[in-house]
Amino acid sequence: SIDGPHETVLAAQLIDSLPSVRWEVTNQALVHEWFLEAHAQVVPPLR
């Protein structure tokens, strides 16, 4: 249901609670967009 990258907001919340951790937050519903941007690779959206 999220259209844009919300991961940064969520990662900031996690950093606030545990700042010594390097958090990586990824919405699997948007991974196909990342593949297209980062690798110019078309993959089907995850379900």
All heavy atoms as atom14 arrays in JSON, in Angstrom:
{
  "sequence": "SIDGPHETVLAAQLIDSLPSVRWEVTNQALVHEWFLEAHAQVVPPLR",
  "atom14_mask": [
    [1, 1, 1, 1, 1, 1, 0, 0, 0, 0, 0, 0, 0, 0],
    [1, 1, 1, 1, 1, 1, 1, 1, 0, 0, 0, 0, 0, 0],
    [1, 1, 1, 1, 1, 1, 1, 1, 0, 0, 0, 0, 0, 0],
    [1, 1, 1, 1, 0, 0, 0, 0, 0, 0, 0, 0, 0, 0],
    [1, 1, 1, 1, 1, 1, 1, 0, 0, 0, 0, 0, 0, 0],
    [1, 1, 1, 1, 1, 1, 1, 1, 1, 1, 0, 0, 0, 0],
    [1, 1, 1, 1, 1, 1, 1, 1, 1, 0, 0, 0, 0, 0],
    [1, 1, 1, 1, 1, 1, 1, 0, 0, 0, 0, 0, 0, 0],
    [1, 1, 1, 1, 1, 1, 1, 0, 0, 0, 0, 0, 0, 0],
    [1, 1, 1, 1, 1, 1, 1, 1, 0, 0, 0, 0, 0, 0],
    [1, 1, 1, 1, 1, 0, 0, 0, 0, 0, 0, 0, 0, 0],
    [1, 1, 1, 1, 1, 0, 0, 0, 0, 0, 0, 0, 0, 0],
    [1, 1, 1, 1, 1, 1, 1, 1, 1, 0, 0, 0, 0, 0],
    [1, 1, 1, 1, 1, 1, 1, 1, 0, 0, 0, 0, 0, 0],
    [1, 1, 1, 1, 1, 1, 1, 1, 0, 0, 0, 0, 0, 0],
    [1, 1, 1, 1, 1, 1, 1, 1, 0, 0, 0, 0, 0, 0],
    [1, 1, 1, 1, 1, 1, 0, 0, 0, 0, 0, 0, 0, 0],
    [1, 1, 1, 1, 1, 1, 1, 1, 0, 0, 0, 0, 0, 0],
    [1, 1, 1, 1, 1, 1, 1, 0, 0, 0, 0, 0, 0, 0],
    [1, 1, 1, 1, 1, 1, 0, 0, 0, 0, 0, 0, 0, 0],
    [1, 1, 1, 1, 1, 1, 1, 0, 0, 0, 0, 0, 0, 0],
    [1, 1, 1, 1, 1, 1, 1, 1, 1, 1, 1, 0, 0, 0],
    [1, 1, 1, 1, 1, 1, 1, 1, 1, 1, 1, 1, 1, 1],
    [1, 1, 1, 1, 1, 1, 1, 1, 1, 0, 0, 0, 0, 0],
    [1, 1, 1, 1, 1, 1, 1, 0, 0, 0, 0, 0, 0, 0],
    [1, 1, 1, 1, 1, 1, 1, 0, 0, 0, 0, 0, 0, 0],
    [1, 1, 1, 1, 1, 1, 1, 1, 0, 0, 0, 0, 0, 0],
    [1, 1, 1, 1, 1, 1, 1, 1, 1, 0, 0, 0, 0, 0],
    [1, 1, 1, 1, 1, 0, 0, 0, 0, 0, 0, 0, 0, 0],
    [1, 1, 1, 1, 1, 1, 1, 1, 0, 0, 0, 0, 0, 0],
    [1, 1, 1, 1, 1, 1, 1, 0, 0, 0, 0, 0, 0, 0],
    [1, 1, 1, 1, 1, 1, 1, 1, 1, 1, 0, 0, 0, 0],
    [1, 1, 1, 1, 1, 1, 1, 1, 1, 0, 0, 0, 0, 0],
    [1, 1, 1, 1, 1, 1, 1, 1, 1, 1, 1, 1, 1, 1],
    [1, 1, 1, 1, 1, 1, 1, 1, 1, 1, 1, 0, 0, 0],
    [1, 1, 1, 1, 1, 1, 1, 1, 0, 0, 0, 0, 0, 0],
    [1, 1, 1, 1, 1, 1, 1, 1, 1, 0, 0, 0, 0, 0],
    [1, 1, 1, 1, 1, 0, 0, 0, 0, 0, 0, 0, 0, 0],
    [1, 1, 1, 1, 1, 1, 1, 1, 1, 1, 0, 0, 0, 0],
    [1, 1, 1, 1, 1, 0, 0, 0, 0, 0, 0, 0, 0, 0],
    [1, 1, 1, 1, 1, 1, 1, 1, 1, 0, 0, 0, 0, 0],
    [1, 1, 1, 1, 1, 1, 1, 0, 0, 0, 0, 0, 0, 0],
    [1, 1, 1, 1, 1, 1, 1, 0, 0, 0, 0, 0, 0, 0],
    [1, 1, 1, 1, 1, 1, 1, 0, 0, 0, 0, 0, 0, 0],
    [1, 1, 1, 1, 1, 1, 1, 0, 0, 0, 0, 0, 0, 0],
    [1, 1, 1, 1, 1, 1, 1, 1, 0, 0, 0, 0, 0, 0],
    [1, 1, 1, 1, 1, 1, 1, 1, 1, 1, 1, 0, 0, 0]
  ],
  "atom14_positions": [
    [[0.81, -1.22, 0.0], [0.0, 0.0, 0.0], [0.85, 1.27, 0.0], [0.33, 2.36, -0.11], [-0.94, 0.01, 1.22], [-0.18, 0.16, 2.42], [0.0, 0.0, 0.0], [0.0, 0.0, 0.0], [0.0, 0.0, 0.0], [0.0, 0.0, 0.0], [0.0, 0.0, 0.0], [0.0, 0.0, 0.0], [0.0, 0.0, 0.0], [0.0, 0.0, 0.0]],
    [[2.16, 1.1, 0.13], [3.08, 2.25, 0.18], [3.66, 2.47, -1.2], [4.23, 1.56, -1.8], [4.21, 2.02, 1.2], [3.61, 1.91, 2.6], [5.22, 3.14, 1.15], [4.61, 1.54, 3.66], [0.0, 0.0, 0.0], [0.0, 0.0, 0.0], [0.0, 0.0, 0.0], [0.0, 0.0, 0.0], [0.0, 0.0, 0.0], [0.0, 0.0, 0.0]],
    [[3.52, 3.7, -1.71], [4.0, 4.01, -3.06], [5.48, 4.41, -3.09], [6.18, 4.12, -4.03], [3.18, 5.14, -3.68], [1.79, 4.67, -4.08], [1.61, 3.46, -4.3], [0.9, 5.52, -4.16], [0.0, 0.0, 0.0], [0.0, 0.0, 0.0], [0.0, 0.0, 0.0], [0.0, 0.0, 0.0], [0.0, 0.0, 0.0], [0.0, 0.0, 0.0]],
    [[5.94, 5.08, -2.08], [7.31, 5.59, -2.1], [8.18, 4.9, -1.08], [7.73, 4.07, -0.3], [0.0, 0.0, 0.0], [0.0, 0.0, 0.0], [0.0, 0.0, 0.0], [0.0, 0.0, 0.0], [0.0, 0.0, 0.0], [0.0, 0.0, 0.0], [0.0, 0.0, 0.0], [0.0, 0.0, 0.0], [0.0, 0.0, 0.0], [0.0, 0.0, 0.0]],
    [[9.44, 5.23, -1.08], [10.37, 4.61, -0.13], [10.1, 5.07, 1.31], [10.29, 6.23, 1.65], [11.75, 5.05, -0.61], [11.5, 6.27, -1.44], [10.1, 6.18, -1.97], [0.0, 0.0, 0.0], [0.0, 0.0, 0.0], [0.0, 0.0, 0.0], [0.0, 0.0, 0.0], [0.0, 0.0, 0.0], [0.0, 0.0, 0.0], [0.0, 0.0, 0.0]],
    [[9.61, 4.17, 2.1], [9.29, 4.42, 3.5], [10.41, 3.87, 4.4], [10.43, 4.12, 5.6], [7.96, 3.73, 3.82], [7.38, 4.04, 5.15], [7.07, 5.32, 5.57], [7.03, 3.22, 6.17], [6.56, 5.27, 6.78], [6.53, 4.01, 7.16], [0.0, 0.0, 0.0], [0.0, 0.0, 0.0], [0.0, 0.0, 0.0], [0.0, 0.0, 0.0]],
    [[11.35, 3.15, 3.78], [12.4, 2.49, 4.53], [13.25, 3.45, 5.36], [13.67, 3.12, 6.46], [13.32, 1.7, 3.59], [12.67, 0.49, 2.96], [12.09, 0.77, 1.59], [11.91, 1.95, 1.22], [11.8, -0.2, 0.88], [0.0, 0.0, 0.0], [0.0, 0.0, 0.0], [0.0, 0.0, 0.0], [0.0, 0.0, 0.0], [0.0, 0.0, 0.0]],
    [[13.51, 4.64, 4.82], [14.35, 5.61, 5.52], [13.72, 6.04, 6.83], [14.4, 6.16, 7.85], [14.6, 6.84, 4.62], [15.12, 6.37, 3.36], [15.59, 7.79, 5.23], [0.0, 0.0, 0.0], [0.0, 0.0, 0.0], [0.0, 0.0, 0.0], [0.0, 0.0, 0.0], [0.0, 0.0, 0.0], [0.0, 0.0, 0.0], [0.0, 0.0, 0.0]],
    [[12.42, 6.26, 6.81], [11.7, 6.67, 8.02], [11.76, 5.54, 9.06], [12.02, 5.79, 10.24], [10.22, 7.01, 7.68], [9.4, 7.25, 8.94], [10.17, 8.21, 6.76], [0.0, 0.0, 0.0], [0.0, 0.0, 0.0], [0.0, 0.0, 0.0], [0.0, 0.0, 0.0], [0.0, 0.0, 0.0], [0.0, 0.0, 0.0], [0.0, 0.0, 0.0]],
    [[11.53, 4.32, 8.62], [11.56, 3.18, 9.54], [12.96, 2.96, 10.1], [13.13, 2.69, 11.29], [11.06, 1.92, 8.83], [9.59, 1.96, 8.39], [9.27, 0.73, 7.54], [8.66, 2.06, 9.58], [0.0, 0.0, 0.0], [0.0, 0.0, 0.0], [0.0, 0.0, 0.0], [0.0, 0.0, 0.0], [0.0, 0.0, 0.0], [0.0, 0.0, 0.0]],
    [[13.97, 3.07, 9.25], [15.35, 2.91, 9.71], [15.7, 3.97, 10.75], [16.37, 3.67, 11.74], [16.32, 2.96, 8.53], [0.0, 0.0, 0.0], [0.0, 0.0, 0.0], [0.0, 0.0, 0.0], [0.0, 0.0, 0.0], [0.0, 0.0, 0.0], [0.0, 0.0, 0.0], [0.0, 0.0, 0.0], [0.0, 0.0, 0.0], [0.0, 0.0, 0.0]],
    [[15.24, 5.19, 10.55], [15.49, 6.26, 11.52], [14.87, 5.93, 12.87], [15.47, 6.19, 13.93], [14.97, 7.6, 11.0], [0.0, 0.0, 0.0], [0.0, 0.0, 0.0], [0.0, 0.0, 0.0], [0.0, 0.0, 0.0], [0.0, 0.0, 0.0], [0.0, 0.0, 0.0], [0.0, 0.0, 0.0], [0.0, 0.0, 0.0], [0.0, 0.0, 0.0]],
    [[13.69, 5.35, 12.85], [13.04, 4.95, 14.11], [13.85, 3.87, 14.82], [14.01, 3.9, 16.04], [11.61, 4.47, 13.85], [10.66, 5.56, 13.42], [9.29, 5.02, 13.02], [9.0, 3.83, 13.15], [8.45, 5.89, 12.51], [0.0, 0.0, 0.0], [0.0, 0.0, 0.0], [0.0, 0.0, 0.0], [0.0, 0.0, 0.0], [0.0, 0.0, 0.0]],
    [[14.38, 2.93, 14.04], [15.19, 1.88, 14.64], [16.51, 2.43, 15.18], [16.96, 2.02, 16.25], [15.45, 0.78, 13.61], [14.23, -0.06, 13.24], [14.53, -0.93, 12.02], [13.78, -0.91, 14.4], [0.0, 0.0, 0.0], [0.0, 0.0, 0.0], [0.0, 0.0, 0.0], [0.0, 0.0, 0.0], [0.0, 0.0, 0.0], [0.0, 0.0, 0.0]],
    [[17.1, 3.36, 14.45], [18.34, 3.98, 14.91], [18.11, 4.74, 16.21], [18.95, 4.72, 17.12], [18.94, 4.9, 13.82], [19.46, 4.04, 12.67], [20.03, 5.8, 14.38], [19.79, 4.82, 11.4], [0.0, 0.0, 0.0], [0.0, 0.0, 0.0], [0.0, 0.0, 0.0], [0.0, 0.0, 0.0], [0.0, 0.0, 0.0], [0.0, 0.0, 0.0]],
    [[16.95, 5.38, 16.33], [16.61, 6.06, 17.58], [16.58, 5.09, 18.76], [17.0, 5.43, 19.86], [15.25, 6.77, 17.48], [15.32, 8.06, 16.68], [16.44, 8.55, 16.43], [14.24, 8.57, 16.3], [0.0, 0.0, 0.0], [0.0, 0.0, 0.0], [0.0, 0.0, 0.0], [0.0, 0.0, 0.0], [0.0, 0.0, 0.0], [0.0, 0.0, 0.0]],
    [[16.06, 3.88, 18.53], [15.95, 2.92, 19.64], [17.26, 2.18, 19.9], [17.57, 1.9, 21.05], [14.8, 1.95, 19.4], [15.04, 1.15, 18.28], [0.0, 0.0, 0.0], [0.0, 0.0, 0.0], [0.0, 0.0, 0.0], [0.0, 0.0, 0.0], [0.0, 0.0, 0.0], [0.0, 0.0, 0.0], [0.0, 0.0, 0.0], [0.0, 0.0, 0.0]],
    [[18.01, 1.86, 18.85], [19.3, 1.17, 19.0], [20.32, 1.79, 18.05], [20.57, 1.27, 16.97], [19.15, -0.33, 18.72], [18.36, -1.15, 19.73], [18.13, -2.57, 19.22], [19.05, -1.18, 21.08], [0.0, 0.0, 0.0], [0.0, 0.0, 0.0], [0.0, 0.0, 0.0], [0.0, 0.0, 0.0], [0.0, 0.0, 0.0], [0.0, 0.0, 0.0]],
    [[20.92, 2.92, 18.45], [21.8, 3.66, 17.53], [23.1, 2.95, 17.15], [23.7, 3.29, 16.14], [22.08, 4.95, 18.28], [21.69, 4.72, 19.69], [20.73, 3.58, 19.72], [0.0, 0.0, 0.0], [0.0, 0.0, 0.0], [0.0, 0.0, 0.0], [0.0, 0.0, 0.0], [0.0, 0.0, 0.0], [0.0, 0.0, 0.0], [0.0, 0.0, 0.0]],
    [[23.52, 1.96, 17.9], [24.78, 1.29, 17.58], [24.63, 0.24, 16.48], [25.63, -0.31, 16.01], [25.35, 0.62, 18.83], [24.46, -0.39, 19.28], [0.0, 0.0, 0.0], [0.0, 0.0, 0.0], [0.0, 0.0, 0.0], [0.0, 0.0, 0.0], [0.0, 0.0, 0.0], [0.0, 0.0, 0.0], [0.0, 0.0, 0.0], [0.0, 0.0, 0.0]],
    [[23.41, 0.0, 16.03], [23.15, -1.03, 15.03], [23.05, -0.4, 13.65], [22.46, 0.66, 13.48], [21.83, -1.78, 15.36], [21.48, -2.79, 14.28], [21.93, -2.44, 16.73], [0.0, 0.0, 0.0], [0.0, 0.0, 0.0], [0.0, 0.0, 0.0], [0.0, 0.0, 0.0], [0.0, 0.0, 0.0], [0.0, 0.0, 0.0], [0.0, 0.0, 0.0]],
    [[23.64, -1.07, 12.67], [23.47, -0.63, 11.27], [22.26, -1.37, 10.7], [22.31, -2.55, 10.39], [24.72, -0.95, 10.46], [24.62, -0.43, 9.04], [25.94, -0.55, 8.3], [25.65, -0.59, 6.89], [26.14, -1.45, 6.04], [27.0, -2.35, 6.45], [25.82, -1.42, 4.78], [0.0, 0.0, 0.0], [0.0, 0.0, 0.0], [0.0, 0.0, 0.0]],
    [[21.15, -0.67, 10.62], [19.88, -1.24, 10.18], [19.74, -1.13, 8.67], [20.06, -0.1, 8.09], [18.72, -0.49, 10.83], [18.66, -0.6, 12.32], [19.13, 0.3, 13.23], [18.06, -1.65, 13.08], [18.87, -0.13, 14.5], [18.22, -1.33, 14.44], [17.42, -2.84, 12.73], [17.75, -2.15, 15.46], [16.95, -3.66, 13.76], [17.12, -3.31, 15.1]],
    [[19.26, -2.18, 8.05], [18.87, -2.18, 6.65], [17.39, -2.54, 6.61], [17.02, -3.64, 7.04], [19.68, -3.22, 5.85], [21.15, -2.92, 5.74], [21.47, -1.8, 4.77], [20.7, -1.62, 3.79], [22.47, -1.12, 4.98], [0.0, 0.0, 0.0], [0.0, 0.0, 0.0], [0.0, 0.0, 0.0], [0.0, 0.0, 0.0], [0.0, 0.0, 0.0]],
    [[16.57, -1.64, 6.12], [15.13, -1.86, 6.08], [14.68, -1.9, 4.62], [14.98, -0.98, 3.86], [14.38, -0.75, 6.86], [12.89, -0.99, 6.83], [14.89, -0.65, 8.3], [0.0, 0.0, 0.0], [0.0, 0.0, 0.0], [0.0, 0.0, 0.0], [0.0, 0.0, 0.0], [0.0, 0.0, 0.0], [0.0, 0.0, 0.0], [0.0, 0.0, 0.0]],
    [[13.95, -2.96, 4.25], [13.54, -3.13, 2.87], [12.1, -3.6, 2.78], [11.74, -4.61, 3.4], [14.44, -4.17, 2.16], [15.81, -3.8, 2.32], [14.11, -4.27, 0.68], [0.0, 0.0, 0.0], [0.0, 0.0, 0.0], [0.0, 0.0, 0.0], [0.0, 0.0, 0.0], [0.0, 0.0, 0.0], [0.0, 0.0, 0.0], [0.0, 0.0, 0.0]],
    [[11.32, -2.88, 1.98], [9.96, -3.29, 1.68], [10.0, -4.24, 0.48], [10.31, -3.83, -0.63], [9.08, -2.07, 1.37], [7.63, -2.43, 1.14], [7.25, -3.6, 1.11], [6.8, -1.42, 0.95], [0.0, 0.0, 0.0], [0.0, 0.0, 0.0], [0.0, 0.0, 0.0], [0.0, 0.0, 0.0], [0.0, 0.0, 0.0], [0.0, 0.0, 0.0]],
    [[9.7, -5.49, 0.72], [9.76, -6.5, -0.35], [8.77, -6.2, -1.48], [8.97, -6.66, -2.6], [9.51, -7.88, 0.23], [10.55, -8.32, 1.25], [11.93, -8.47, 0.63], [12.19, -9.39, -0.13], [12.83, -7.55, 0.96], [0.0, 0.0, 0.0], [0.0, 0.0, 0.0], [0.0, 0.0, 0.0], [0.0, 0.0, 0.0], [0.0, 0.0, 0.0]],
    [[7.73, -5.43, -1.2], [6.75, -5.08, -2.24], [7.35, -4.15, -3.29], [6.79, -4.0, -4.37], [5.52, -4.43, -1.6], [0.0, 0.0, 0.0], [0.0, 0.0, 0.0], [0.0, 0.0, 0.0], [0.0, 0.0, 0.0], [0.0, 0.0, 0.0], [0.0, 0.0, 0.0], [0.0, 0.0, 0.0], [0.0, 0.0, 0.0], [0.0, 0.0, 0.0]],
    [[8.5, -3.52, -2.97], [9.12, -2.57, -3.9], [10.45, -3.06, -4.48], [11.12, -2.33, -5.21], [9.33, -1.22, -3.2], [8.08, -0.55, -2.64], [8.43, 0.73, -1.9], [7.08, -0.28, -3.74], [0.0, 0.0, 0.0], [0.0, 0.0, 0.0], [0.0, 0.0, 0.0], [0.0, 0.0, 0.0], [0.0, 0.0, 0.0], [0.0, 0.0, 0.0]],
    [[10.84, -4.27, -4.17], [12.14, -4.79, -4.62], [12.25, -4.79, -6.14], [13.31, -4.51, -6.69], [12.39, -6.2, -4.03], [13.54, -6.9, -4.72], [12.68, -6.08, -2.54], [0.0, 0.0, 0.0], [0.0, 0.0, 0.0], [0.0, 0.0, 0.0], [0.0, 0.0, 0.0], [0.0, 0.0, 0.0], [0.0, 0.0, 0.0], [0.0, 0.0, 0.0]],
    [[11.16, -5.07, -6.83], [11.21, -5.08, -8.3], [11.59, -3.7, -8.85], [12.27, -3.6, -9.86], [9.87, -5.55, -8.9], [8.72, -4.66, -8.6], [8.12, -4.6, -7.36], [8.06, -3.77, -9.38], [7.13, -3.72, -7.39], [7.09, -3.2, -8.6], [0.0, 0.0, 0.0], [0.0, 0.0, 0.0], [0.0, 0.0, 0.0], [0.0, 0.0, 0.0]],
    [[11.18, -2.62, -8.16], [11.58, -1.27, -8.58], [13.07, -1.05, -8.37], [13.74, -0.42, -9.19], [10.76, -0.23, -7.82], [9.28, -0.26, -8.17], [8.46, 0.71, -7.35], [9.04, 1.56, -6.62], [7.22, 0.63, -7.44], [0.0, 0.0, 0.0], [0.0, 0.0, 0.0], [0.0, 0.0, 0.0], [0.0, 0.0, 0.0], [0.0, 0.0, 0.0]],
    [[13.61, -1.58, -7.27], [15.04, -1.46, -7.0], [15.84, -2.2, -8.07], [16.85, -1.68, -8.55], [15.36, -2.01, -5.61], [16.83, -2.0, -5.32], [17.58, -0.94, -4.91], [17.73, -3.11, -5.46], [18.9, -1.32, -4.78], [19.01, -2.65, -5.11], [17.57, -4.43, -5.84], [20.13, -3.47, -5.12], [18.69, -5.25, -5.86], [19.95, -4.77, -5.5]],
    [[15.4, -3.4, -8.44], [16.11, -4.15, -9.48], [16.16, -3.36, -10.79], [17.17, -3.35, -11.48], [15.45, -5.52, -9.72], [16.08, -6.64, -8.95], [15.63, -6.96, -7.68], [17.13, -7.36, -9.48], [16.21, -7.98, -6.95], [17.72, -8.4, -8.76], [17.26, -8.7, -7.49], [0.0, 0.0, 0.0], [0.0, 0.0, 0.0], [0.0, 0.0, 0.0]],
    [[15.07, -2.7, -11.12], [15.02, -1.92, -12.34], [15.96, -0.72, -12.26], [16.75, -0.47, -13.18], [13.58, -1.45, -12.62], [13.34, -0.78, -13.96], [13.73, -1.69, -15.13], [11.88, -0.36, -14.08], [0.0, 0.0, 0.0], [0.0, 0.0, 0.0], [0.0, 0.0, 0.0], [0.0, 0.0, 0.0], [0.0, 0.0, 0.0], [0.0, 0.0, 0.0]],
    [[15.93, -0.01, -11.14], [16.8, 1.17, -10.96], [18.27, 0.8, -10.85], [19.11, 1.38, -11.51], [16.41, 1.92, -9.67], [15.43, 3.01, -9.87], [15.15, 3.73, -8.55], [16.09, 3.98, -7.77], [13.97, 4.02, -8.32], [0.0, 0.0, 0.0], [0.0, 0.0, 0.0], [0.0, 0.0, 0.0], [0.0, 0.0, 0.0], [0.0, 0.0, 0.0]],
    [[18.58, -0.15, -10.01], [19.97, -0.48, -9.71], [20.64, -1.35, -10.77], [21.84, -1.23, -11.0], [20.05, -1.18, -8.34], [0.0, 0.0, 0.0], [0.0, 0.0, 0.0], [0.0, 0.0, 0.0], [0.0, 0.0, 0.0], [0.0, 0.0, 0.0], [0.0, 0.0, 0.0], [0.0, 0.0, 0.0], [0.0, 0.0, 0.0], [0.0, 0.0, 0.0]],
    [[19.87, -2.23, -11.4], [20.47, -3.2, -12.31], [19.87, -3.19, -13.71], [20.25, -4.03, -14.54], [20.34, -4.62, -11.74], [20.96, -4.79, -10.4], [22.3, -4.7, -10.18], [20.39, -5.03, -9.18], [22.55, -4.89, -8.89], [21.41, -5.09, -8.27], [0.0, 0.0, 0.0], [0.0, 0.0, 0.0], [0.0, 0.0, 0.0], [0.0, 0.0, 0.0]],
    [[18.92, -2.29, -13.96], [18.2, -2.25, -15.23], [17.64, -3.64, -15.57], [17.63, -4.07, -16.72], [19.09, -1.73, -16.35], [0.0, 0.0, 0.0], [0.0, 0.0, 0.0], [0.0, 0.0, 0.0], [0.0, 0.0, 0.0], [0.0, 0.0, 0.0], [0.0, 0.0, 0.0], [0.0, 0.0, 0.0], [0.0, 0.0, 0.0], [0.0, 0.0, 0.0]],
    [[17.2, -4.34, -14.54], [16.69, -5.69, -14.68], [15.21, -5.7, -14.33], [14.81, -5.25, -13.26], [17.47, -6.63, -13.76], [17.09, -8.07, -13.87], [17.92, -8.94, -12.93], [18.85, -8.49, -12.28], [17.56, -10.21, -12.85], [0.0, 0.0, 0.0], [0.0, 0.0, 0.0], [0.0, 0.0, 0.0], [0.0, 0.0, 0.0], [0.0, 0.0, 0.0]],
    [[14.4, -6.23, -15.22], [12.97, -6.34, -14.97], [12.69, -7.69, -14.3], [13.03, -8.74, -14.85], [12.16, -6.22, -16.28], [10.67, -6.43, -16.02], [12.4, -4.88, -16.94], [0.0, 0.0, 0.0], [0.0, 0.0, 0.0], [0.0, 0.0, 0.0], [0.0, 0.0, 0.0], [0.0, 0.0, 0.0], [0.0, 0.0, 0.0], [0.0, 0.0, 0.0]],
    [[12.14, -7.62, -13.1], [11.75, -8.83, -12.37], [10.3, -8.65, -11.93], [9.84, -7.52, -11.71], [12.66, -9.09, -11.15], [14.1, -9.33, -11.58], [12.58, -7.97, -10.15], [0.0, 0.0, 0.0], [0.0, 0.0, 0.0], [0.0, 0.0, 0.0], [0.0, 0.0, 0.0], [0.0, 0.0, 0.0], [0.0, 0.0, 0.0], [0.0, 0.0, 0.0]],
    [[9.58, -9.75, -11.79], [8.18, -9.61, -11.36], [8.09, -9.14, -9.91], [8.97, -9.46, -9.1], [7.61, -11.02, -11.52], [8.78, -11.93, -11.58], [9.94, -11.13, -12.06], [0.0, 0.0, 0.0], [0.0, 0.0, 0.0], [0.0, 0.0, 0.0], [0.0, 0.0, 0.0], [0.0, 0.0, 0.0], [0.0, 0.0, 0.0], [0.0, 0.0, 0.0]],
    [[7.05, -8.39, -9.58], [6.86, -7.97, -8.19], [6.68, -9.19, -7.28], [6.13, -10.21, -7.7], [5.58, -7.14, -8.23], [5.39, -6.76, -9.65], [6.03, -7.84, -10.46], [0.0, 0.0, 0.0], [0.0, 0.0, 0.0], [0.0, 0.0, 0.0], [0.0, 0.0, 0.0], [0.0, 0.0, 0.0], [0.0, 0.0, 0.0], [0.0, 0.0, 0.0]],
    [[7.14, -9.05, -6.06], [6.96, -10.1, -5.08], [5.54, -10.01, -4.51], [4.96, -8.93, -4.44], [8.0, -9.95, -3.96], [9.45, -10.08, -4.45], [10.42, -9.58, -3.4], [9.75, -11.51, -4.84], [0.0, 0.0, 0.0], [0.0, 0.0, 0.0], [0.0, 0.0, 0.0], [0.0, 0.0, 0.0], [0.0, 0.0, 0.0], [0.0, 0.0, 0.0]],
    [[4.99, -11.14, -4.11], [3.6, -11.19, -3.65], [3.44, -11.18, -2.13], [2.35, -10.99, -1.62], [2.92, -12.42, -4.21], [2.89, -12.48, -5.72], [2.38, -13.82, -6.2], [3.06, -14.92, -5.53], [3.9, -15.76, -6.11], [4.15, -15.67, -7.38], [4.47, -16.73, -5.43], [0.0, 0.0, 0.0], [0.0, 0.0, 0.0], [0.0, 0.0, 0.0]]
  ]
}
